[in-house]
Amino acid sequence: MCLPKDAQEKLFTATNELQDFLPDDNPMIICKRTVYPAFKDEEFVECYSTTGRNAISHVFLACMTLLQFRENL
């Protein structure tokens, strides 16, 4: 899998910038706290190639797809 682990959080991530902006009952916050931790990138290994550019987190992409579906985007 082409997904190196980067343990260092970026300075301007949404978590750092907007952590107090959204209420606790917002769908994105609920997804971050319940859905996102329920999955692991290793569960999606067979869906991706082992060569090529580094991938965005598979779990992140799956969560974004669910949120887009929920918002009819």
N, C-alpha and C. Protein backbone atom coordinates (compact mmCIF):
# COMPACT_ATOMS: atom_id res chain seq x y z
N MET A 1 0.85 -1.18 0.00
CA MET A 1 0.00 0.00 0.00
C MET A 1 0.89 1.23 0.00
N CYS A 2 0.57 2.19 -0.81
CA CYS A 2 1.35 3.43 -0.91
C CYS A 2 0.81 4.47 0.06
N LEU A 3 0.90 4.23 1.31
CA LEU A 3 0.40 5.18 2.30
C LEU A 3 1.35 5.23 3.48
N PRO A 4 2.36 6.09 3.42
CA PRO A 4 3.26 6.18 4.56
C PRO A 4 2.56 6.83 5.74
N LYS A 5 2.91 6.38 6.90
CA LYS A 5 2.32 6.93 8.12
C LYS A 5 3.06 8.20 8.52
N ASP A 6 2.33 9.29 8.67
CA ASP A 6 2.90 10.56 9.10
C ASP A 6 2.25 10.91 10.42
N ALA A 7 2.95 10.69 11.51
CA ALA A 7 2.39 10.89 12.84
C ALA A 7 2.30 12.37 13.22
N GLN A 8 3.02 13.23 12.51
CA GLN A 8 3.01 14.64 12.85
C GLN A 8 1.79 15.32 12.26
N GLU A 9 1.01 15.96 13.10
CA GLU A 9 -0.17 16.67 12.65
C GLU A 9 0.24 18.02 12.06
N LYS A 10 -0.42 18.39 10.98
CA LYS A 10 -0.11 19.65 10.33
C LYS A 10 -0.65 20.81 11.17
N LEU A 11 0.01 21.94 11.09
CA LEU A 11 -0.35 23.10 11.89
C LEU A 11 -1.74 23.64 11.55
N PHE A 12 -2.09 23.67 10.28
CA PHE A 12 -3.34 24.28 9.87
C PHE A 12 -4.40 23.26 9.47
N THR A 13 -4.50 22.17 10.18
CA THR A 13 -5.54 21.20 9.89
C THR A 13 -6.87 21.70 10.44
N ALA A 14 -7.95 21.14 9.94
CA ALA A 14 -9.27 21.54 10.41
C ALA A 14 -9.44 21.25 11.89
N THR A 15 -8.79 20.20 12.37
CA THR A 15 -8.88 19.88 13.80
C THR A 15 -8.33 21.01 14.65
N ASN A 16 -7.22 21.57 14.23
CA ASN A 16 -6.62 22.66 14.99
C ASN A 16 -7.35 23.98 14.78
N GLU A 17 -7.76 24.24 13.56
CA GLU A 17 -8.35 25.53 13.23
C GLU A 17 -9.81 25.67 13.64
N LEU A 18 -10.59 24.59 13.53
CA LEU A 18 -12.04 24.68 13.71
C LEU A 18 -12.57 23.84 14.85
N GLN A 19 -11.73 23.43 15.77
CA GLN A 19 -12.17 22.50 16.80
C GLN A 19 -13.30 23.03 17.68
N ASP A 20 -13.39 24.34 17.85
CA ASP A 20 -14.47 24.91 18.67
C ASP A 20 -15.55 25.57 17.82
N PHE A 21 -15.46 25.44 16.51
CA PHE A 21 -16.38 26.13 15.60
C PHE A 21 -17.69 25.37 15.43
N LEU A 22 -17.65 24.06 15.34
CA LEU A 22 -18.84 23.26 15.10
C LEU A 22 -19.40 22.71 16.41
N PRO A 23 -20.73 22.66 16.51
CA PRO A 23 -21.34 22.09 17.73
C PRO A 23 -21.14 20.58 17.78
N ASP A 24 -21.28 20.02 18.97
CA ASP A 24 -21.06 18.58 19.16
C ASP A 24 -22.04 17.70 18.39
N ASP A 25 -23.22 18.23 18.03
CA ASP A 25 -24.21 17.42 17.32
C ASP A 25 -24.11 17.57 15.80
N ASN A 26 -23.09 18.25 15.31
CA ASN A 26 -22.88 18.41 13.87
C ASN A 26 -22.50 17.05 13.27
N PRO A 27 -23.05 16.71 12.09
CA PRO A 27 -22.74 15.41 11.48
C PRO A 27 -21.25 15.16 11.26
N MET A 28 -20.49 16.20 10.95
CA MET A 28 -19.05 16.02 10.74
C MET A 28 -18.34 15.69 12.04
N ILE A 29 -18.76 16.29 13.13
CA ILE A 29 -18.17 16.00 14.43
C ILE A 29 -18.54 14.58 14.87
N ILE A 30 -19.79 14.21 14.65
CA ILE A 30 -20.23 12.85 15.00
C ILE A 30 -19.45 11.82 14.20
N CYS A 31 -19.26 12.10 12.91
CA CYS A 31 -18.48 11.19 12.06
C CYS A 31 -17.05 11.08 12.56
N LYS A 32 -16.46 12.21 12.92
CA LYS A 32 -15.07 12.22 13.41
C LYS A 32 -14.92 11.41 14.69
N ARG A 33 -15.90 11.48 15.56
CA ARG A 33 -15.79 10.83 16.86
C ARG A 33 -16.24 9.37 16.87
N THR A 34 -17.14 8.99 15.96
CA THR A 34 -17.68 7.63 16.02
C THR A 34 -17.33 6.78 14.80
N VAL A 35 -17.54 7.31 13.60
CA VAL A 35 -17.32 6.51 12.39
C VAL A 35 -15.83 6.38 12.07
N TYR A 36 -15.12 7.49 12.04
CA TYR A 36 -13.71 7.49 11.66
C TYR A 36 -12.86 6.53 12.50
N PRO A 37 -12.99 6.53 13.82
CA PRO A 37 -12.16 5.60 14.62
C PRO A 37 -12.57 4.13 14.47
N ALA A 38 -13.75 3.87 13.92
CA ALA A 38 -14.23 2.49 13.79
C ALA A 38 -13.52 1.73 12.67
N PHE A 39 -12.88 2.44 11.74
CA PHE A 39 -12.21 1.81 10.61
C PHE A 39 -10.70 1.98 10.72
N LYS A 40 -9.99 1.11 10.06
CA LYS A 40 -8.53 1.17 9.99
C LYS A 40 -8.13 1.14 8.51
N ASP A 41 -7.06 1.87 8.16
CA ASP A 41 -6.58 1.88 6.78
C ASP A 41 -6.25 0.48 6.28
N GLU A 42 -5.81 -0.39 7.17
CA GLU A 42 -5.43 -1.75 6.78
C GLU A 42 -6.62 -2.53 6.21
N GLU A 43 -7.85 -2.15 6.57
CA GLU A 43 -9.03 -2.84 6.06
C GLU A 43 -9.27 -2.55 4.57
N PHE A 44 -8.63 -1.51 4.03
CA PHE A 44 -8.84 -1.11 2.65
C PHE A 44 -7.63 -1.43 1.76
N VAL A 45 -6.66 -2.17 2.27
CA VAL A 45 -5.41 -2.42 1.54
C VAL A 45 -5.67 -3.03 0.17
N GLU A 46 -6.55 -3.98 0.08
CA GLU A 46 -6.77 -4.69 -1.19
C GLU A 46 -7.40 -3.80 -2.27
N CYS A 47 -7.89 -2.63 -1.90
CA CYS A 47 -8.50 -1.71 -2.86
C CYS A 47 -7.49 -0.82 -3.57
N TYR A 48 -6.25 -0.82 -3.12
CA TYR A 48 -5.27 0.13 -3.63
C TYR A 48 -4.01 -0.57 -4.12
N SER A 49 -3.34 0.06 -5.05
CA SER A 49 -2.10 -0.45 -5.62
C SER A 49 -0.94 -0.24 -4.66
N THR A 50 0.10 -1.01 -4.86
CA THR A 50 1.29 -0.85 -4.03
C THR A 50 2.31 0.06 -4.70
N THR A 51 2.01 0.54 -5.90
CA THR A 51 2.92 1.44 -6.60
C THR A 51 2.21 2.75 -6.90
N GLY A 52 2.98 3.76 -7.21
CA GLY A 52 2.40 5.04 -7.56
C GLY A 52 2.55 6.07 -6.46
N ARG A 53 1.77 7.12 -6.58
CA ARG A 53 1.82 8.21 -5.61
C ARG A 53 1.27 7.77 -4.26
N ASN A 54 1.67 8.48 -3.23
CA ASN A 54 1.13 8.20 -1.90
C ASN A 54 -0.35 8.50 -1.88
N ALA A 55 -1.08 7.67 -1.19
CA ALA A 55 -2.53 7.80 -1.15
C ALA A 55 -2.99 8.63 0.04
N ILE A 56 -4.16 9.22 -0.10
CA ILE A 56 -4.83 9.84 1.04
C ILE A 56 -5.38 8.70 1.88
N SER A 57 -5.52 8.91 3.17
CA SER A 57 -6.04 7.86 4.05
C SER A 57 -7.33 7.28 3.49
N HIS A 58 -7.37 5.96 3.38
CA HIS A 58 -8.53 5.28 2.84
C HIS A 58 -9.76 5.49 3.72
N VAL A 59 -9.54 5.51 5.02
CA VAL A 59 -10.64 5.74 5.96
C VAL A 59 -11.19 7.15 5.78
N PHE A 60 -10.30 8.12 5.61
CA PHE A 60 -10.73 9.50 5.40
C PHE A 60 -11.60 9.60 4.15
N LEU A 61 -11.17 8.98 3.06
CA LEU A 61 -11.95 9.01 1.82
C LEU A 61 -13.31 8.34 2.00
N ALA A 62 -13.36 7.24 2.72
CA ALA A 62 -14.63 6.56 2.97
C ALA A 62 -15.57 7.44 3.80
N CYS A 63 -15.03 8.10 4.81
CA CYS A 63 -15.86 8.99 5.64
C CYS A 63 -16.37 10.19 4.84
N MET A 64 -15.53 10.73 3.97
CA MET A 64 -15.96 11.85 3.13
C MET A 64 -17.07 11.43 2.17
N THR A 65 -16.98 10.20 1.66
CA THR A 65 -18.01 9.68 0.77
C THR A 65 -19.34 9.56 1.53
N LEU A 66 -19.29 9.08 2.76
CA LEU A 66 -20.50 8.96 3.57
C LEU A 66 -21.11 10.33 3.87
N LEU A 67 -20.26 11.31 4.20
CA LEU A 67 -20.77 12.65 4.47
C LEU A 67 -21.35 13.29 3.22
N GLN A 68 -20.73 13.08 2.06
CA GLN A 68 -21.26 13.61 0.81
C GLN A 68 -22.61 12.98 0.49
N PHE A 69 -22.74 11.68 0.72
CA PHE A 69 -24.02 11.02 0.51
C PHE A 69 -25.09 11.59 1.44
N ARG A 70 -24.74 11.78 2.69
CA ARG A 70 -25.68 12.32 3.67
C ARG A 70 -26.15 13.72 3.30
N GLU A 71 -25.27 14.52 2.73
CA GLU A 71 -25.60 15.90 2.37
C GLU A 71 -26.11 16.03 0.94
N ASN A 72 -26.33 14.90 0.26
CA ASN A 72 -26.82 14.88 -1.13
C ASN A 72 -25.90 15.67 -2.06
N LEU A 73 -24.60 15.50 -1.90
CA LEU A 73 -23.64 16.19 -2.77
C LEU A 73 -23.22 15.30 -3.92
